[in-house]
Amino acid sequence: MSSSTEPDVTESYRFAPDDLKTGDRLPGIGAFMRVKNGADFIEATIRSHIGHLDEIVVVHNQCTDATPEILARLAAEFGGKLRIFHYGPRVHAPGSAAHAREPADSPASFVNQSNFALTRTRYRVAMKLDDDHLAMEARLVALIGRIRAADYRLDRVLCFSGINLARDETGKVGVLRREPFVGTGDHFFFEVTPETRFIHHPRFEDFHHGRRRVFTDFTYWHLKFLKPDFGFANRDLESGGNPRFERKRQEFLADRRVISLAELRAAAPTLIDLATMLPLPEKARLKVDRWRRFLSAAPREDEMQRAIVKAKL
């Protein structure tokens, strides 16, 4: 593989806060990705983001598809701006009973893998990125511009969301009617500090930062539901060990209807303005702010159609 591909991670890696090397970080923005079998859209994701960032770090784990080969080819093209690591240990899927039991610093924990990916970034501001995020580039560039103008010093966690694209039973691609948005405080830009890390939650990897999360904008089209397995293949569903995501899969299969962006606007909740006047828990506040942003500045239909073409759907 290319010179931008780093050695495999052994079974012995366990996260330590000193690995963040906060005193050595450079001014700039680095994204990190945790990937297993992301061949469907990882190239489109990387190409739509890498020109706007200072680096992308990809940590892939036990892939059985073409992900490693795609990453090697892209690393040869982009050089040191795209850095690839193979995380070797078998990692339990978030949402599974095995994940709930696994200690956060175990090599088999997705929390530990996530922290490893964060430690490989070299810049002051980091961004969590998935392999099925196709950038809304103008919006992403505007948000990145705010961060650069602040000299990469952030006193808040800047959350962003995506719009779920899906294919209905007739083959039509549009916005998933039942669940149009994705990302409620779990995708973000943040300044890396000694306190920054992922921590264990029985269902997933939680994020600890100690700063207020605020919603900023929609910055990507979420392509998960356009994968052949609808994005559920990495959840250990076939072994019966992840009832939470098995339920989510059945809910998706029961209602795959899609709508246009205009239809989504017409279906918006009616109490958004009232909700902003009330004290809300963080997640509820982010959801309200997300709807308000959509209603004030929704992506255009032609932008969605161009994304569909770009993703080769």
C-alpha atoms as a PDB file:
ATOM      1  CA  MET A   1       0.000   0.000   0.000  1.00  0.00           C
ATOM      2  CA  SER A   2       1.046   3.630  -0.260  1.00  0.00           C
ATOM      3  CA  SER A   3       3.355   5.624   1.992  1.00  0.00           C
ATOM      4  CA  SER A   4       0.258   7.302   3.431  1.00  0.00           C
ATOM      5  CA  THR A   5      -0.856   3.983   4.896  1.00  0.00           C
ATOM      6  CA  GLU A   6       0.288   3.452   8.468  1.00  0.00           C
ATOM      7  CA  PRO A   7       1.163   0.154  10.193  1.00  0.00           C
ATOM      8  CA  ASP A   8      -1.560  -2.076  11.568  1.00  0.00           C
ATOM      9  CA  VAL A   9      -2.778  -1.440  15.099  1.00  0.00           C
ATOM     10  CA  THR A  10      -2.007  -4.381  17.337  1.00  0.00           C
ATOM     11  CA  GLU A  11      -4.365  -6.077  19.772  1.00  0.00           C
ATOM     12  CA  SER A  12      -2.721  -4.207  22.634  1.00  0.00           C
ATOM     13  CA  TYR A  13      -3.711  -0.576  21.920  1.00  0.00           C
ATOM     14  CA  ARG A  14      -5.598   1.088  24.769  1.00  0.00           C
ATOM     15  CA  PHE A  15      -6.422   4.789  24.739  1.00  0.00           C
ATOM     16  CA  ALA A  16      -4.568   7.125  27.089  1.00  0.00           C
ATOM     17  CA  PRO A  17      -5.309  10.897  27.226  1.00  0.00           C
ATOM     18  CA  ASP A  18      -1.653  11.744  26.577  1.00  0.00           C
ATOM     19  CA  ASP A  19      -2.049  10.163  23.138  1.00  0.00           C
ATOM     20  CA  LEU A  20      -4.063  13.232  22.087  1.00  0.00           C
ATOM     21  CA  LYS A  21      -0.833  15.314  22.127  1.00  0.00           C
ATOM     22  CA  THR A  22      -2.803  18.526  22.465  1.00  0.00           C
ATOM     23  CA  GLY A  23       0.342  20.612  22.903  1.00  0.00           C
ATOM     24  CA  ASP A  24       1.707  19.506  19.531  1.00  0.00           C
ATOM     25  CA  ARG A  25      -1.381  20.088  17.404  1.00  0.00           C
ATOM     26  CA  LEU A  26      -1.186  22.366  14.383  1.00  0.00           C
ATOM     27  CA  PRO A  27      -3.614  25.131  13.384  1.00  0.00           C
ATOM     28  CA  GLY A  28      -6.090  23.467  11.059  1.00  0.00           C
ATOM     29  CA  ILE A  29      -8.932  20.973  10.737  1.00  0.00           C
ATOM     30  CA  GLY A  30      -8.689  17.202  10.512  1.00  0.00           C
ATOM     31  CA  ALA A  31     -11.513  14.710   9.996  1.00  0.00           C
ATOM     32  CA  PHE A  32     -11.448  11.164  11.304  1.00  0.00           C
ATOM     33  CA  MET A  33     -13.431   8.195  10.041  1.00  0.00           C
ATOM     34  CA  ARG A  34     -14.101   4.779  11.587  1.00  0.00           C
ATOM     35  CA  VAL A  35     -14.881   2.399   8.721  1.00  0.00           C
ATOM     36  CA  LYS A  36     -15.970  -1.189   8.206  1.00  0.00           C
ATOM     37  CA  ASN A  37     -16.999  -2.226   4.706  1.00  0.00           C
ATOM     38  CA  GLY A  38     -17.556   1.278   3.379  1.00  0.00           C
ATOM     39  CA  ALA A  39     -16.786   0.605  -0.283  1.00  0.00           C
ATOM     40  CA  ASP A  40     -20.182   1.816  -1.544  1.00  0.00           C
ATOM     41  CA  PHE A  41     -19.644   5.525  -0.873  1.00  0.00           C
ATOM     42  CA  ILE A  42     -16.285   6.073   0.827  1.00  0.00           C
ATOM     43  CA  GLU A  43     -14.621   7.437  -2.304  1.00  0.00           C
ATOM     44  CA  ALA A  44     -17.414   9.944  -2.951  1.00  0.00           C
ATOM     45  CA  THR A  45     -17.321  10.952   0.718  1.00  0.00           C
ATOM     46  CA  ILE A  46     -13.576  11.525   0.766  1.00  0.00           C
ATOM     47  CA  ARG A  47     -13.532  13.387  -2.548  1.00  0.00           C
ATOM     48  CA  SER A  48     -16.340  15.719  -1.459  1.00  0.00           C
ATOM     49  CA  HIS A  49     -14.554  16.636   1.806  1.00  0.00           C
ATOM     50  CA  ILE A  50     -10.794  16.438   1.376  1.00  0.00           C
ATOM     51  CA  GLY A  51     -10.352  19.626  -0.603  1.00  0.00           C
ATOM     52  CA  HIS A  52     -11.804  21.652   2.265  1.00  0.00           C
ATOM     53  CA  LEU A  53      -9.862  20.067   5.162  1.00  0.00           C
ATOM     54  CA  ASP A  54      -6.221  19.820   6.188  1.00  0.00           C
ATOM     55  CA  GLU A  55      -6.347  16.038   6.542  1.00  0.00           C
ATOM     56  CA  ILE A  56      -8.632  13.020   6.686  1.00  0.00           C
ATOM     57  CA  VAL A  57      -7.674  10.098   8.913  1.00  0.00           C
ATOM     58  CA  VAL A  58      -9.358   6.782   8.077  1.00  0.00           C
ATOM     59  CA  VAL A  59      -9.258   3.878  10.530  1.00  0.00           C
ATOM     60  CA  HIS A  60     -10.692   0.735   8.943  1.00  0.00           C
ATOM     61  CA  ASN A  61     -11.526  -2.443  10.800  1.00  0.00           C
ATOM     62  CA  GLN A  62     -11.758  -5.985   9.417  1.00  0.00           C
ATOM     63  CA  CYS A  63     -13.174  -5.014   6.037  1.00  0.00           C
ATOM     64  CA  THR A  64     -14.224  -7.822   3.709  1.00  0.00           C
ATOM     65  CA  ASP A  65     -15.106  -5.589   0.748  1.00  0.00           C
ATOM     66  CA  ALA A  66     -12.948  -3.333  -1.449  1.00  0.00           C
ATOM     67  CA  THR A  67     -12.506  -0.606   1.188  1.00  0.00           C
ATOM     68  CA  PRO A  68      -8.724  -1.180   1.752  1.00  0.00           C
ATOM     69  CA  GLU A  69      -8.005  -1.147  -1.989  1.00  0.00           C
ATOM     70  CA  ILE A  70     -10.045   2.028  -2.536  1.00  0.00           C
ATOM     71  CA  LEU A  71      -8.257   3.723   0.358  1.00  0.00           C
ATOM     72  CA  ALA A  72      -4.829   2.688  -0.949  1.00  0.00           C
ATOM     73  CA  ARG A  73      -5.615   4.171  -4.360  1.00  0.00           C
ATOM     74  CA  LEU A  74      -6.896   7.420  -2.867  1.00  0.00           C
ATOM     75  CA  ALA A  75      -3.932   7.671  -0.483  1.00  0.00           C
ATOM     76  CA  ALA A  76      -1.593   7.418  -3.466  1.00  0.00           C
ATOM     77  CA  GLU A  77      -3.512  10.279  -5.094  1.00  0.00           C
ATOM     78  CA  PHE A  78      -3.810  12.590  -2.088  1.00  0.00           C
ATOM     79  CA  GLY A  79      -0.530  11.806  -0.305  1.00  0.00           C
ATOM     80  CA  GLY A  80      -0.148  12.792   3.330  1.00  0.00           C
ATOM     81  CA  LYS A  81      -3.481  14.590   3.367  1.00  0.00           C
ATOM     82  CA  LEU A  82      -5.211  11.190   3.539  1.00  0.00           C
ATOM     83  CA  ARG A  83      -3.787   8.917   6.234  1.00  0.00           C
ATOM     84  CA  ILE A  84      -4.938   5.317   6.499  1.00  0.00           C
ATOM     85  CA  PHE A  85      -4.726   2.988   9.517  1.00  0.00           C
ATOM     86  CA  HIS A  86      -5.854  -0.604   9.914  1.00  0.00           C
ATOM     87  CA  TYR A  87      -7.335  -1.270  13.342  1.00  0.00           C
ATOM     88  CA  GLY A  88      -6.930  -5.021  13.661  1.00  0.00           C
ATOM     89  CA  PRO A  89      -8.929  -6.218  16.692  1.00  0.00           C
ATOM     90  CA  ARG A  90     -12.474  -7.523  16.318  1.00  0.00           C
ATOM     91  CA  VAL A  91     -14.702  -4.624  17.453  1.00  0.00           C
ATOM     92  CA  HIS A  92     -18.185  -5.146  18.894  1.00  0.00           C
ATOM     93  CA  ALA A  93     -20.916  -3.250  17.058  1.00  0.00           C
ATOM     94  CA  PRO A  94     -22.491  -0.269  18.864  1.00  0.00           C
ATOM     95  CA  GLY A  95     -25.949  -1.182  20.058  1.00  0.00           C
ATOM     96  CA  SER A  96     -25.016  -4.805  20.684  1.00  0.00           C
ATOM     97  CA  ALA A  97     -25.066  -6.615  24.011  1.00  0.00           C
ATOM     98  CA  ALA A  98     -21.337  -7.285  23.582  1.00  0.00           C
ATOM     99  CA  HIS A  99     -20.642  -3.566  23.191  1.00  0.00           C
ATOM    100  CA  ALA A 100     -22.620  -2.821  26.347  1.00  0.00           C
ATOM    101  CA  ARG A 101     -20.429  -5.237  28.327  1.00  0.00           C
ATOM    102  CA  GLU A 102     -17.052  -4.235  26.881  1.00  0.00           C
ATOM    103  CA  PRO A 103     -14.872  -1.767  28.878  1.00  0.00           C
ATOM    104  CA  ALA A 104     -14.181   1.530  27.103  1.00  0.00           C
ATOM    105  CA  ASP A 105     -10.411   0.960  26.931  1.00  0.00           C
ATOM    106  CA  SER A 106     -10.680  -2.589  25.567  1.00  0.00           C
ATOM    107  CA  PRO A 107      -9.262  -3.063  22.043  1.00  0.00           C
ATOM    108  CA  ALA A 108     -12.582  -4.757  21.213  1.00  0.00           C
ATOM    109  CA  SER A 109     -14.579  -1.621  22.130  1.00  0.00           C
ATOM    110  CA  PHE A 110     -15.774   0.816  19.484  1.00  0.00           C
ATOM    111  CA  VAL A 111     -15.047   3.505  22.076  1.00  0.00           C
ATOM    112  CA  ASN A 112     -11.359   2.538  22.054  1.00  0.00           C
ATOM    113  CA  GLN A 113     -11.272   2.426  18.250  1.00  0.00           C
ATOM    114  CA  SER A 114     -12.907   5.861  18.115  1.00  0.00           C
ATOM    115  CA  ASN A 115     -10.373   7.300  20.528  1.00  0.00           C
ATOM    116  CA  PHE A 116      -7.553   5.755  18.516  1.00  0.00           C
ATOM    117  CA  ALA A 117      -8.885   7.488  15.389  1.00  0.00           C
ATOM    118  CA  LEU A 118      -9.064  10.805  17.241  1.00  0.00           C
ATOM    119  CA  THR A 119      -5.465  10.449  18.479  1.00  0.00           C
ATOM    120  CA  ARG A 120      -4.212  10.002  14.907  1.00  0.00           C
ATOM    121  CA  THR A 121      -5.457  13.473  13.919  1.00  0.00           C
ATOM    122  CA  ARG A 122      -2.800  16.191  14.045  1.00  0.00           C
ATOM    123  CA  TYR A 123      -4.777  19.447  13.970  1.00  0.00           C
ATOM    124  CA  ARG A 124      -6.305  21.672  16.614  1.00  0.00           C
ATOM    125  CA  VAL A 125      -9.885  21.173  15.404  1.00  0.00           C
ATOM    126  CA  ALA A 126     -11.288  17.722  14.632  1.00  0.00           C
ATOM    127  CA  MET A 127     -14.385  16.596  12.782  1.00  0.00           C
ATOM    128  CA  LYS A 128     -16.230  13.273  12.979  1.00  0.00           C
ATOM    129  CA  LEU A 129     -17.023  11.945   9.520  1.00  0.00           C
ATOM    130  CA  ASP A 130     -18.702   8.721   8.324  1.00  0.00           C
ATOM    131  CA  ASP A 131     -18.117   6.832   5.081  1.00  0.00           C
ATOM    132  CA  ASP A 132     -21.613   7.629   3.756  1.00  0.00           C
ATOM    133  CA  HIS A 133     -21.586  11.436   4.106  1.00  0.00           C
ATOM    134  CA  LEU A 134     -21.646  13.222   0.751  1.00  0.00           C
ATOM    135  CA  ALA A 135     -20.774  16.850   1.464  1.00  0.00           C
ATOM    136  CA  MET A 136     -23.085  19.760   0.710  1.00  0.00           C
ATOM    137  CA  GLU A 137     -19.933  21.596  -0.222  1.00  0.00           C
ATOM    138  CA  ALA A 138     -21.098  25.227  -0.142  1.00  0.00           C
ATOM    139  CA  ARG A 139     -22.535  24.810   3.357  1.00  0.00           C
ATOM    140  CA  LEU A 140     -19.503  22.865   4.550  1.00  0.00           C
ATOM    141  CA  VAL A 141     -17.157  25.528   3.198  1.00  0.00           C
ATOM    142  CA  ALA A 142     -19.113  28.292   4.950  1.00  0.00           C
ATOM    143  CA  LEU A 143     -18.912  26.491   8.294  1.00  0.00           C
ATOM    144  CA  ILE A 144     -15.222  25.725   7.879  1.00  0.00           C
ATOM    145  CA  GLY A 145     -14.667  29.391   7.044  1.00  0.00           C
ATOM    146  CA  ARG A 146     -16.113  30.361  10.426  1.00  0.00           C
ATOM    147  CA  ILE A 147     -13.706  27.987  12.158  1.00  0.00           C
ATOM    148  CA  ARG A 148     -10.681  29.259  10.285  1.00  0.00           C
ATOM    149  CA  ALA A 149     -11.704  32.862  10.985  1.00  0.00           C
ATOM    150  CA  ALA A 150     -11.728  31.994  14.703  1.00  0.00           C
ATOM    151  CA  ASP A 151      -8.119  30.781  14.399  1.00  0.00           C
ATOM    152  CA  TYR A 152      -9.277  27.242  15.242  1.00  0.00           C
ATOM    153  CA  ARG A 153     -10.293  28.234  18.791  1.00  0.00           C
ATOM    154  CA  LEU A 154     -13.771  26.946  19.612  1.00  0.00           C
ATOM    155  CA  ASP A 155     -15.535  27.497  22.908  1.00  0.00           C
ATOM    156  CA  ARG A 156     -18.469  25.347  21.761  1.00  0.00           C
ATOM    157  CA  VAL A 157     -18.977  22.052  19.913  1.00  0.00           C
ATOM    158  CA  LEU A 158     -20.358  22.905  16.459  1.00  0.00           C
ATOM    159  CA  CYS A 159     -22.865  20.210  15.528  1.00  0.00           C
ATOM    160  CA  PHE A 160     -24.059  19.586  11.996  1.00  0.00           C
ATOM    161  CA  SER A 161     -26.618  17.239  10.461  1.00  0.00           C
ATOM    162  CA  GLY A 162     -27.455  15.457   7.226  1.00  0.00           C
ATOM    163  CA  ILE A 163     -30.520  14.676   5.159  1.00  0.00           C
ATOM    164  CA  ASN A 164     -31.380  10.994   4.766  1.00  0.00           C
ATOM    165  CA  LEU A 165     -31.701   9.858   1.172  1.00  0.00           C
ATOM    166  CA  ALA A 166     -33.381   6.533   0.477  1.00  0.00           C
ATOM    167  CA  ARG A 167     -34.865   4.474  -2.344  1.00  0.00           C
ATOM    168  CA  ASP A 168     -38.493   3.445  -2.056  1.00  0.00           C
ATOM    169  CA  GLU A 169     -39.841   0.098  -3.196  1.00  0.00           C
ATOM    170  CA  THR A 170     -40.335   1.413  -6.749  1.00  0.00           C
ATOM    171  CA  GLY A 171     -36.694   2.525  -6.988  1.00  0.00           C
ATOM    172  CA  LYS A 172     -37.342   6.255  -6.613  1.00  0.00           C
ATOM    173  CA  VAL A 173     -34.682   8.169  -4.642  1.00  0.00           C
ATOM    174  CA  GLY A 174     -35.693  10.994  -2.312  1.00  0.00           C
ATOM    175  CA  VAL A 175     -35.770  12.104   1.307  1.00  0.00           C
ATOM    176  CA  LEU A 176     -36.766   9.344   3.725  1.00  0.00           C
ATOM    177  CA  ARG A 177     -40.231  10.434   4.847  1.00  0.00           C
ATOM    178  CA  ARG A 178     -40.245   8.663   8.199  1.00  0.00           C
ATOM    179  CA  GLU A 179     -36.793   9.911   9.269  1.00  0.00           C
ATOM    180  CA  PRO A 180     -35.667  12.842   7.094  1.00  0.00           C
ATOM    181  CA  PHE A 181     -32.746  14.053   9.238  1.00  0.00           C
ATOM    182  CA  VAL A 182     -29.717  12.412  10.806  1.00  0.00           C
ATOM    183  CA  GLY A 183     -27.316  13.779  13.397  1.00  0.00           C
ATOM    184  CA  THR A 184     -28.604  15.106  16.704  1.00  0.00           C
ATOM    185  CA  GLY A 185     -25.410  16.310  18.328  1.00  0.00           C
ATOM    186  CA  ASP A 186     -23.327  13.289  17.318  1.00  0.00           C
ATOM    187  CA  HIS A 187     -21.524  14.827  14.329  1.00  0.00           C
ATOM    188  CA  PHE A 188     -19.505  17.914  15.008  1.00  0.00           C
ATOM    189  CA  PHE A 189     -16.414  20.094  14.810  1.00  0.00           C
ATOM    190  CA  PHE A 190     -14.581  20.582  18.118  1.00  0.00           C
ATOM    191  CA  GLU A 191     -11.292  21.847  19.443  1.00  0.00           C
ATOM    192  CA  VAL A 192      -9.243  18.948  20.798  1.00  0.00           C
ATOM    193  CA  THR A 193      -8.413  19.469  24.474  1.00  0.00           C
ATOM    194  CA  PRO A 194      -6.931  17.207  27.171  1.00  0.00           C
ATOM    195  CA  GLU A 195     -10.515  16.431  28.260  1.00  0.00           C
ATOM    196  CA  THR A 196     -11.748  15.466  24.793  1.00  0.00           C
ATOM    197  CA  ARG A 197     -12.514  11.781  24.334  1.00  0.00           C
ATOM    198  CA  PHE A 198     -15.148   9.195  23.614  1.00  0.00           C
ATOM    199  CA  ILE A 199     -16.628   7.440  26.616  1.00  0.00           C
ATOM    200  CA  HIS A 200     -18.736   4.336  27.065  1.00  0.00           C
ATOM    201  CA  HIS A 201     -22.500   4.283  26.797  1.00  0.00           C
ATOM    202  CA  PRO A 202     -24.351   0.945  26.803  1.00  0.00           C
ATOM    203  CA  ARG A 203     -25.732   1.640  23.314  1.00  0.00           C
ATOM    204  CA  PHE A 204     -22.929   3.561  21.578  1.00  0.00           C
ATOM    205  CA  GLU A 205     -19.785   5.631  21.951  1.00  0.00           C
ATOM    206  CA  ASP A 206     -20.654   8.862  23.748  1.00  0.00           C
ATOM    207  CA  PHE A 207     -18.601  12.035  23.361  1.00  0.00           C
ATOM    208  CA  HIS A 208     -17.166  13.962  26.290  1.00  0.00           C
ATOM    209  CA  HIS A 209     -15.949  17.508  25.782  1.00  0.00           C
ATOM    210  CA  GLY A 210     -17.324  19.706  28.549  1.00  0.00           C
ATOM    211  CA  ARG A 211     -18.507  22.448  26.199  1.00  0.00           C
ATOM    212  CA  ARG A 212     -21.961  23.426  25.002  1.00  0.00           C
ATOM    213  CA  ARG A 213     -23.157  21.847  21.788  1.00  0.00           C
ATOM    214  CA  VAL A 214     -24.859  24.124  19.258  1.00  0.00           C
ATOM    215  CA  PHE A 215     -26.445  23.269  15.943  1.00  0.00           C
ATOM    216  CA  THR A 216     -24.931  25.009  12.919  1.00  0.00           C
ATOM    217  CA  ASP A 217     -26.206  23.674   9.602  1.00  0.00           C
ATOM    218  CA  PHE A 218     -26.902  20.769   7.295  1.00  0.00           C
ATOM    219  CA  THR A 219     -23.613  19.826   5.648  1.00  0.00           C
ATOM    220  CA  TYR A 220     -24.125  16.415   4.029  1.00  0.00           C
ATOM    221  CA  TRP A 221     -26.447  14.021   2.257  1.00  0.00           C
ATOM    222  CA  HIS A 222     -26.642  10.802   4.262  1.00  0.00           C
ATOM    223  CA  LEU A 223     -26.374   7.791   1.956  1.00  0.00           C
ATOM    224  CA  LYS A 224     -26.635   4.985   4.515  1.00  0.00           C
ATOM    225  CA  PHE A 225     -30.083   3.794   3.426  1.00  0.00           C
ATOM    226  CA  LEU A 226     -28.893   3.593  -0.197  1.00  0.00           C
ATOM    227  CA  LYS A 227     -26.421   0.829   0.606  1.00  0.00           C
ATOM    228  CA  PRO A 228     -27.417  -2.688  -0.527  1.00  0.00           C
ATOM    229  CA  ASP A 229     -27.911  -3.666   3.138  1.00  0.00           C
ATOM    230  CA  PHE A 230     -29.493  -0.295   4.015  1.00  0.00           C
ATOM    231  CA  GLY A 231     -26.521   0.384   6.310  1.00  0.00           C
ATOM    232  CA  PHE A 232     -27.280  -2.356   8.850  1.00  0.00           C
ATOM    233  CA  ALA A 233     -24.656  -4.948   7.846  1.00  0.00           C
ATOM    234  CA  ASN A 234     -22.101  -3.838  10.451  1.00  0.00           C
ATOM    235  CA  ARG A 235     -24.505  -4.143  13.381  1.00  0.00           C
ATOM    236  CA  ASP A 236     -24.154  -7.899  14.051  1.00  0.00           C
ATOM    237  CA  LEU A 237     -27.861  -8.403  13.404  1.00  0.00           C
ATOM    238  CA  GLU A 238     -27.584 -11.879  11.961  1.00  0.00           C
ATOM    239  CA  SER A 239     -26.136 -13.218  15.213  1.00  0.00           C
ATOM    240  CA  GLY A 240     -29.141 -11.862  17.106  1.00  0.00           C
ATOM    241  CA  GLY A 241     -26.923  -9.744  19.337  1.00  0.00           C
ATOM    242  CA  ASN A 242     -28.313  -6.316  18.472  1.00  0.00           C
ATOM    243  CA  PRO A 243     -32.098  -6.165  18.987  1.00  0.00           C
ATOM    244  CA  ARG A 244     -32.113  -2.347  19.000  1.00  0.00           C
ATOM    245  CA  PHE A 245     -30.837  -2.084  15.430  1.00  0.00           C
ATOM    246  CA  GLU A 246     -32.847  -5.100  14.298  1.00  0.00           C
ATOM    247  CA  ARG A 247     -35.901  -3.107  15.355  1.00  0.00           C
ATOM    248  CA  LYS A 248     -34.649  -0.091  13.417  1.00  0.00           C
ATOM    249  CA  ARG A 249     -34.104  -2.252  10.328  1.00  0.00           C
ATOM    250  CA  GLN A 250     -37.643  -3.636  10.529  1.00  0.00           C
ATOM    251  CA  GLU A 251     -39.040  -0.115  10.938  1.00  0.00           C
ATOM    252  CA  PHE A 252     -37.178   0.988   7.815  1.00  0.00           C
ATOM    253  CA  LEU A 253     -38.322  -2.010   5.767  1.00  0.00           C
ATOM    254  CA  ALA A 254     -41.909  -1.397   6.851  1.00  0.00           C
ATOM    255  CA  ASP A 255     -41.900   2.220   5.613  1.00  0.00           C
ATOM    256  CA  ARG A 256     -39.457   3.193   2.863  1.00  0.00           C
ATOM    257  CA  ARG A 257     -41.529   6.071   1.458  1.00  0.00           C
ATOM    258  CA  VAL A 258     -39.589   9.055   0.120  1.00  0.00           C
ATOM    259  CA  ILE A 259     -40.632  12.663  -0.429  1.00  0.00           C
ATOM    260  CA  SER A 260     -39.231  15.814  -2.000  1.00  0.00           C
ATOM    261  CA  LEU A 261     -37.623  18.641  -0.062  1.00  0.00           C
ATOM    262  CA  ALA A 262     -40.695  20.775  -0.721  1.00  0.00           C
ATOM    263  CA  GLU A 263     -42.942  18.084   0.753  1.00  0.00           C
ATOM    264  CA  LEU A 264     -40.646  17.868   3.766  1.00  0.00           C
ATOM    265  CA  ARG A 265     -40.955  21.612   4.331  1.00  0.00           C
ATOM    266  CA  ALA A 266     -44.739  21.345   4.198  1.00  0.00           C
ATOM    267  CA  ALA A 267     -44.649  18.555   6.799  1.00  0.00           C
ATOM    268  CA  ALA A 268     -42.594  20.549   9.348  1.00  0.00           C
ATOM    269  CA  PRO A 269     -43.749  20.581  12.979  1.00  0.00           C
ATOM    270  CA  THR A 270     -45.904  23.556  13.972  1.00  0.00           C
ATOM    271  CA  LEU A 271     -44.554  24.291  17.473  1.00  0.00           C
ATOM    272  CA  ILE A 272     -40.947  25.115  16.589  1.00  0.00           C
ATOM    273  CA  ASP A 273     -41.062  28.817  17.501  1.00  0.00           C
ATOM    274  CA  LEU A 274     -42.854  28.121  20.767  1.00  0.00           C
ATOM    275  CA  ALA A 275     -40.322  25.424  21.660  1.00  0.00           C
ATOM    276  CA  THR A 276     -37.438  27.866  21.379  1.00  0.00           C
ATOM    277  CA  MET A 277     -38.990  29.944  24.174  1.00  0.00           C
ATOM    278  CA  LEU A 278     -38.887  27.018  26.609  1.00  0.00           C
ATOM    279  CA  PRO A 279     -35.956  25.490  28.480  1.00  0.00           C
ATOM    280  CA  LEU A 280     -35.220  22.244  26.638  1.00  0.00           C
ATOM    281  CA  PRO A 281     -32.843  19.338  27.188  1.00  0.00           C
ATOM    282  CA  GLU A 282     -29.811  19.530  24.914  1.00  0.00           C
ATOM    283  CA  LYS A 283     -30.933  16.899  22.397  1.00  0.00           C
ATOM    284  CA  ALA A 284     -34.430  18.389  22.088  1.00  0.00           C
ATOM    285  CA  ARG A 285     -32.953  21.876  21.632  1.00  0.00           C
ATOM    286  CA  LEU A 286     -30.679  20.629  18.845  1.00  0.00           C
ATOM    287  CA  LYS A 287     -33.631  19.000  17.086  1.00  0.00           C
ATOM    288  CA  VAL A 288     -35.639  22.219  17.231  1.00  0.00           C
ATOM    289  CA  ASP A 289     -32.713  24.265  15.928  1.00  0.00           C
ATOM    290  CA  ARG A 290     -32.236  21.731  13.145  1.00  0.00           C
ATOM    291  CA  TRP A 291     -35.823  22.156  11.949  1.00  0.00           C
ATOM    292  CA  ARG A 292     -35.556  25.930  12.181  1.00  0.00           C
ATOM    293  CA  ARG A 293     -32.443  25.892  10.019  1.00  0.00           C
ATOM    294  CA  PHE A 294     -34.104  23.670   7.459  1.00  0.00           C
ATOM    295  CA  LEU A 295     -37.129  25.942   7.226  1.00  0.00           C
ATOM    296  CA  SER A 296     -35.006  29.076   6.912  1.00  0.00           C
ATOM    297  CA  ALA A 297     -32.444  27.714   4.434  1.00  0.00           C
ATOM    298  CA  ALA A 298     -33.322  24.286   3.050  1.00  0.00           C
ATOM    299  CA  PRO A 299     -31.153  22.732   0.328  1.00  0.00           C
ATOM    300  CA  ARG A 300     -32.643  23.029  -3.132  1.00  0.00           C
ATOM    301  CA  GLU A 301     -34.133  20.152  -5.098  1.00  0.00           C
ATOM    302  CA  ASP A 302     -31.523  20.532  -7.852  1.00  0.00           C
ATOM    303  CA  GLU A 303     -28.771  20.200  -5.240  1.00  0.00           C
ATOM    304  CA  MET A 304     -30.265  16.891  -4.150  1.00  0.00           C
ATOM    305  CA  GLN A 305     -30.433  15.708  -7.745  1.00  0.00           C
ATOM    306  CA  ARG A 306     -26.771  16.592  -8.297  1.00  0.00           C
ATOM    307  CA  ALA A 307     -25.867  14.658  -5.150  1.00  0.00           C
ATOM    308  CA  ILE A 308     -27.704  11.632  -6.480  1.00  0.00           C
ATOM    309  CA  VAL A 309     -25.686  11.834  -9.689  1.00  0.00           C
ATOM    310  CA  LYS A 310     -22.417  12.344  -7.812  1.00  0.00           C
ATOM    311  CA  ALA A 311     -23.069   9.277  -5.666  1.00  0.00           C
ATOM    312  CA  LYS A 312     -23.691   7.301  -8.899  1.00  0.00           C
ATOM    313  CA  LEU A 313     -27.146   6.180  -7.819  1.00  0.00           C
END
